[in-house]
Amino acid sequence: MYNDFIFIGLPYAALFLFVVGSVIRYRTKPFSVSSLSSQLLESRILYWGSHAFHIGIVTLFFGHLIGFLFPKSVISFTGHPTRLLIIEISALAFGLLSLFGIVTLIYRRLAFERLKNITSKMDIVVYVLILTQVISGLWIAYFDRWGSAWFAVSLAPYLKSIFLFSPKYEAVAAMPLSIKLHITSAFIFVGMVPFTRLMHFLVYPFVYIIRAYQFVIWNWDRKTRRSATDFNRGVKARNN
């Protein structure tokens, strides 16, 4: 019953909440779908923490996604010891980068009183879940090595069986506790997305890629502007 709940009930509950919850929130509260950036309150530590975390976690996400979508190719590629070692070291490095980033962001929230005041309980839950994901992933990378190989053999088929509505978790149920924790926290994280500010990544403004450039004039000096002699009507203004 325990395995049925963890490896069947939880995944389907998480996916249901993710899909239905995201649609309902976007339809009923579209203006709440925002990252609610706190950059204006503190930017220096945010720069280092946010960049490190996003680079690390996005790279690891696509690494997992490739292992899920192309398991046979991954098995073939990692059949050579040198390539397998390079992938494992790279994954560990990006995992450490993610850990540095999330720890930095947590420290930032705790170190500044003005950031504490705008930190919600759901933000704390998100930080805990992400930290659990990163630490358990690093634990697996160090103590249960060669994950890029056995992921394609064991976890990819299990995840595929979930989406095919024919879950087969026998191989996953026999894995160490660290792997089970990693899987469980991942599904919990997915199910909580519609209730957090993380939902903003579902509405990424792709239109920004193709829209026209915006001309922004900053460091405006009214006195200099009034006495300027090199400005003619119809000529585009340039940034100072």
Protein backbone atom coordinates (compact mmCIF):
# COMPACT_ATOMS: atom_id res chain seq x y z
CA MET A 1 0.00 0.00 0.00
CA TYR A 2 2.90 2.35 0.80
CA ASN A 3 4.45 1.84 -2.63
CA ASP A 4 1.08 2.22 -4.34
CA PHE A 5 0.59 5.59 -2.68
CA ILE A 6 4.12 6.89 -3.30
CA PHE A 7 4.65 5.67 -6.85
CA ILE A 8 1.08 5.68 -8.22
CA GLY A 9 -1.27 7.83 -6.15
CA LEU A 10 1.14 10.71 -5.53
CA PRO A 11 2.26 11.11 -9.17
CA TYR A 12 -1.29 11.20 -10.52
CA ALA A 13 -2.45 13.55 -7.77
CA ALA A 14 0.50 15.85 -8.48
CA LEU A 15 -0.11 15.88 -12.24
CA PHE A 16 -3.84 16.49 -11.72
CA LEU A 17 -3.17 19.44 -9.41
CA PHE A 18 -0.54 20.81 -11.78
CA VAL A 19 -2.76 20.78 -14.87
CA VAL A 20 -6.14 21.65 -13.35
CA GLY A 21 -4.74 24.06 -10.77
CA SER A 22 -2.69 25.95 -13.35
CA VAL A 23 -5.68 26.38 -15.67
CA ILE A 24 -8.00 27.52 -12.87
CA ARG A 25 -5.50 30.00 -11.47
CA TYR A 26 -4.68 31.46 -14.88
CA ARG A 27 -8.36 31.80 -15.77
CA THR A 28 -9.50 33.23 -12.42
CA LYS A 29 -6.42 35.16 -11.23
CA PRO A 30 -4.27 35.88 -14.29
CA PHE A 31 -2.54 38.88 -12.74
CA SER A 32 -1.32 36.77 -9.82
CA VAL A 33 0.86 34.71 -12.17
CA SER A 34 4.08 36.58 -11.53
CA SER A 35 7.51 35.93 -10.10
CA LEU A 36 6.96 38.88 -7.71
CA SER A 37 10.59 39.90 -8.04
CA SER A 38 12.28 41.34 -4.95
CA GLN A 39 15.20 42.75 -6.91
CA LEU A 40 14.38 46.32 -5.88
CA LEU A 41 14.79 45.34 -2.22
CA GLU A 42 18.15 43.65 -2.71
CA SER A 43 20.02 42.98 -5.95
CA ARG A 44 23.67 42.12 -5.25
CA ILE A 45 23.19 38.75 -3.54
CA LEU A 46 20.20 38.01 -5.75
CA TYR A 47 22.41 38.33 -8.83
CA TRP A 48 24.87 35.65 -7.72
CA GLY A 49 22.32 33.32 -6.15
CA SER A 50 19.74 33.51 -8.92
CA HIS A 51 22.22 33.07 -11.76
CA ALA A 52 23.98 30.13 -10.11
CA PHE A 53 20.73 28.40 -9.22
CA HIS A 54 19.07 28.85 -12.61
CA ILE A 55 22.11 27.77 -14.61
CA GLY A 56 22.54 24.67 -12.46
CA ILE A 57 18.90 23.62 -12.15
CA VAL A 58 17.96 24.27 -15.80
CA THR A 59 20.93 22.23 -17.02
CA LEU A 60 20.04 19.35 -14.70
CA PHE A 61 16.38 19.54 -15.75
CA PHE A 62 17.22 19.15 -19.42
CA GLY A 63 19.67 16.39 -18.55
CA HIS A 64 16.86 14.47 -16.84
CA LEU A 65 14.52 15.27 -19.72
CA ILE A 66 16.94 13.87 -22.30
CA GLY A 67 17.32 10.71 -20.23
CA PHE A 68 13.53 10.36 -20.14
CA LEU A 69 12.88 11.07 -23.84
CA PHE A 70 15.84 9.22 -25.32
CA PRO A 71 16.77 6.41 -22.91
CA LYS A 72 18.21 4.12 -25.57
CA SER A 73 20.48 6.85 -26.91
CA VAL A 74 21.64 7.69 -23.40
CA ILE A 75 22.40 4.03 -22.66
CA SER A 76 24.38 3.79 -25.88
CA PHE A 77 26.27 7.03 -25.20
CA THR A 78 27.14 6.19 -21.60
CA GLY A 79 28.37 2.73 -22.60
CA HIS A 80 31.84 4.21 -22.91
CA PRO A 81 33.46 4.73 -19.45
CA THR A 82 35.06 8.06 -20.36
CA ARG A 83 31.80 9.60 -21.58
CA LEU A 84 29.97 8.27 -18.55
CA LEU A 85 32.56 9.80 -16.22
CA ILE A 86 32.35 13.19 -17.97
CA ILE A 87 28.56 13.23 -17.64
CA GLU A 88 28.70 12.22 -13.97
CA ILE A 89 31.29 14.88 -13.09
CA SER A 90 29.37 17.53 -15.03
CA ALA A 91 26.10 16.62 -13.31
CA LEU A 92 27.78 16.79 -9.91
CA ALA A 93 29.26 20.19 -10.77
CA PHE A 94 25.90 21.62 -11.83
CA GLY A 95 24.34 20.10 -8.72
CA LEU A 96 26.86 21.90 -6.53
CA LEU A 97 26.18 25.10 -8.47
CA SER A 98 22.46 24.68 -7.79
CA LEU A 99 23.17 24.08 -4.10
CA PHE A 100 25.27 27.24 -3.91
CA GLY A 101 22.49 29.18 -5.61
CA ILE A 102 19.60 27.99 -3.45
CA VAL A 103 21.58 28.35 -0.22
CA THR A 104 22.53 31.89 -1.26
CA LEU A 105 18.90 32.75 -1.98
CA ILE A 106 17.77 31.31 1.36
CA TYR A 107 20.48 33.27 3.17
CA ARG A 108 19.33 36.40 1.36
CA ARG A 109 15.78 35.90 2.60
CA LEU A 110 16.94 35.39 6.17
CA ALA A 111 19.56 38.12 6.28
CA PHE A 112 17.38 41.07 5.26
CA GLU A 113 14.41 42.06 7.38
CA ARG A 114 12.60 43.71 4.48
CA LEU A 115 12.75 40.43 2.57
CA LYS A 116 11.46 38.50 5.56
CA ASN A 117 8.38 40.71 5.60
CA ILE A 118 7.38 39.75 2.06
CA THR A 119 8.25 36.04 2.38
CA SER A 120 5.10 33.91 2.57
CA LYS A 121 4.70 30.47 4.10
CA MET A 122 4.41 29.00 0.62
CA ASP A 123 7.76 30.57 -0.27
CA ILE A 124 9.31 28.74 2.67
CA VAL A 125 7.77 25.45 1.54
CA VAL A 126 9.17 25.98 -1.95
CA TYR A 127 12.65 26.66 -0.61
CA VAL A 128 12.51 23.53 1.54
CA LEU A 129 11.35 21.37 -1.38
CA ILE A 130 14.01 22.72 -3.74
CA LEU A 131 16.71 22.28 -1.12
CA THR A 132 15.52 18.70 -0.53
CA GLN A 133 15.64 18.03 -4.25
CA VAL A 134 19.15 19.40 -4.65
CA ILE A 135 20.61 17.71 -1.57
CA SER A 136 19.03 14.34 -2.34
CA GLY A 137 20.26 14.65 -5.93
CA LEU A 138 23.81 15.32 -4.75
CA TRP A 139 23.51 12.42 -2.30
CA ILE A 140 22.53 10.14 -5.17
CA ALA A 141 25.32 11.47 -7.38
CA TYR A 142 27.94 10.69 -4.73
CA PHE A 143 26.70 7.51 -3.06
CA ASP A 144 24.61 5.95 -5.85
CA ARG A 145 26.83 6.77 -8.77
CA TRP A 146 26.41 6.36 -12.51
CA GLY A 147 22.87 7.71 -12.35
CA SER A 148 22.97 8.83 -15.98
CA ALA A 149 23.15 5.14 -16.91
CA TRP A 150 20.69 3.52 -14.50
CA PHE A 151 18.22 6.42 -14.82
CA ALA A 152 17.60 5.46 -18.44
CA VAL A 153 17.24 1.81 -17.50
CA SER A 154 15.06 2.04 -14.37
CA LEU A 155 13.51 5.46 -13.84
CA ALA A 156 12.73 6.38 -17.44
CA PRO A 157 10.53 3.29 -17.98
CA TYR A 158 8.71 4.00 -14.70
CA LEU A 159 8.01 7.62 -15.65
CA LYS A 160 6.90 6.53 -19.10
CA SER A 161 4.51 4.00 -17.55
CA ILE A 162 2.96 6.82 -15.49
CA PHE A 163 2.11 8.82 -18.62
CA LEU A 164 0.84 5.70 -20.37
CA PHE A 165 -1.54 5.06 -17.43
CA SER A 166 0.06 1.70 -16.77
CA PRO A 167 2.37 2.35 -13.80
CA LYS A 168 5.11 -0.18 -13.17
CA TYR A 169 7.17 0.71 -10.12
CA GLU A 170 8.81 -2.59 -9.16
CA ALA A 171 12.30 -1.44 -10.13
CA VAL A 172 11.89 1.93 -8.40
CA ALA A 173 10.50 0.39 -5.21
CA ALA A 174 13.70 -1.62 -4.79
CA MET A 175 15.93 1.47 -4.96
CA PRO A 176 17.62 3.19 -1.99
CA LEU A 177 15.79 5.65 0.23
CA SER A 178 17.64 8.66 -1.24
CA ILE A 179 16.24 7.93 -4.70
CA LYS A 180 12.72 7.44 -3.35
CA LEU A 181 13.01 10.77 -1.50
CA HIS A 182 14.20 12.46 -4.69
CA ILE A 183 11.25 11.09 -6.66
CA THR A 184 8.69 11.87 -3.94
CA SER A 185 9.83 15.46 -3.40
CA ALA A 186 9.83 16.01 -7.17
CA PHE A 187 6.18 15.00 -7.51
CA ILE A 188 5.19 17.07 -4.47
CA PHE A 189 6.98 20.02 -6.04
CA VAL A 190 5.11 19.56 -9.33
CA GLY A 191 1.76 19.41 -7.55
CA MET A 192 2.44 22.63 -5.64
CA VAL A 193 3.42 24.75 -8.64
CA PRO A 194 -0.09 26.27 -9.20
CA PHE A 195 -0.15 27.47 -5.59
CA THR A 196 3.20 29.28 -5.72
CA ARG A 197 4.89 32.07 -7.62
CA LEU A 198 6.77 29.41 -9.60
CA MET A 199 3.83 29.23 -11.98
CA HIS A 200 5.24 32.23 -13.81
CA PHE A 201 7.54 29.98 -15.86
CA LEU A 202 4.43 28.52 -17.57
CA VAL A 203 3.60 31.91 -19.10
CA TYR A 204 7.07 32.90 -20.28
CA PRO A 205 6.74 35.99 -22.53
CA PHE A 206 8.01 34.46 -25.77
CA VAL A 207 6.61 37.47 -27.64
CA TYR A 208 9.53 39.47 -26.25
CA ILE A 209 11.82 37.55 -28.61
CA ILE A 210 10.15 38.90 -31.76
CA ARG A 211 8.76 42.28 -30.64
CA ALA A 212 10.42 45.53 -31.70
CA TYR A 213 13.13 47.04 -29.55
CA GLN A 214 12.10 49.65 -27.02
CA PHE A 215 14.11 52.86 -26.85
CA VAL A 216 14.82 53.80 -23.25
CA ILE A 217 16.36 57.13 -22.25
CA TRP A 218 17.92 57.15 -18.80
CA ASN A 219 20.09 59.54 -16.79
CA TRP A 220 17.88 62.39 -18.01
CA ASP A 221 19.29 65.85 -17.37
CA ARG A 222 16.65 68.52 -18.00
CA LYS A 223 19.10 71.45 -18.04
CA THR A 224 21.36 69.77 -20.56
CA ARG A 225 18.36 68.76 -22.64
CA ARG A 226 16.99 72.31 -22.79
CA SER A 227 20.29 73.76 -23.91
CA ALA A 228 21.14 70.99 -26.37
CA THR A 229 21.96 72.19 -29.89
CA ASP A 230 22.46 68.85 -31.67
CA PHE A 231 18.82 67.66 -31.46
CA ASN A 232 16.58 67.95 -34.52
CA ARG A 233 12.96 66.91 -34.81
CA GLY A 234 12.62 63.54 -36.51
CA VAL A 235 16.02 62.27 -35.32
CA LYS A 236 15.97 59.31 -32.95
CA ALA A 237 17.19 60.11 -29.47
CA ARG A 238 20.17 58.17 -28.19
CA ASN A 239 20.82 56.90 -24.67
CA ASN A 240 23.18 59.02 -22.62
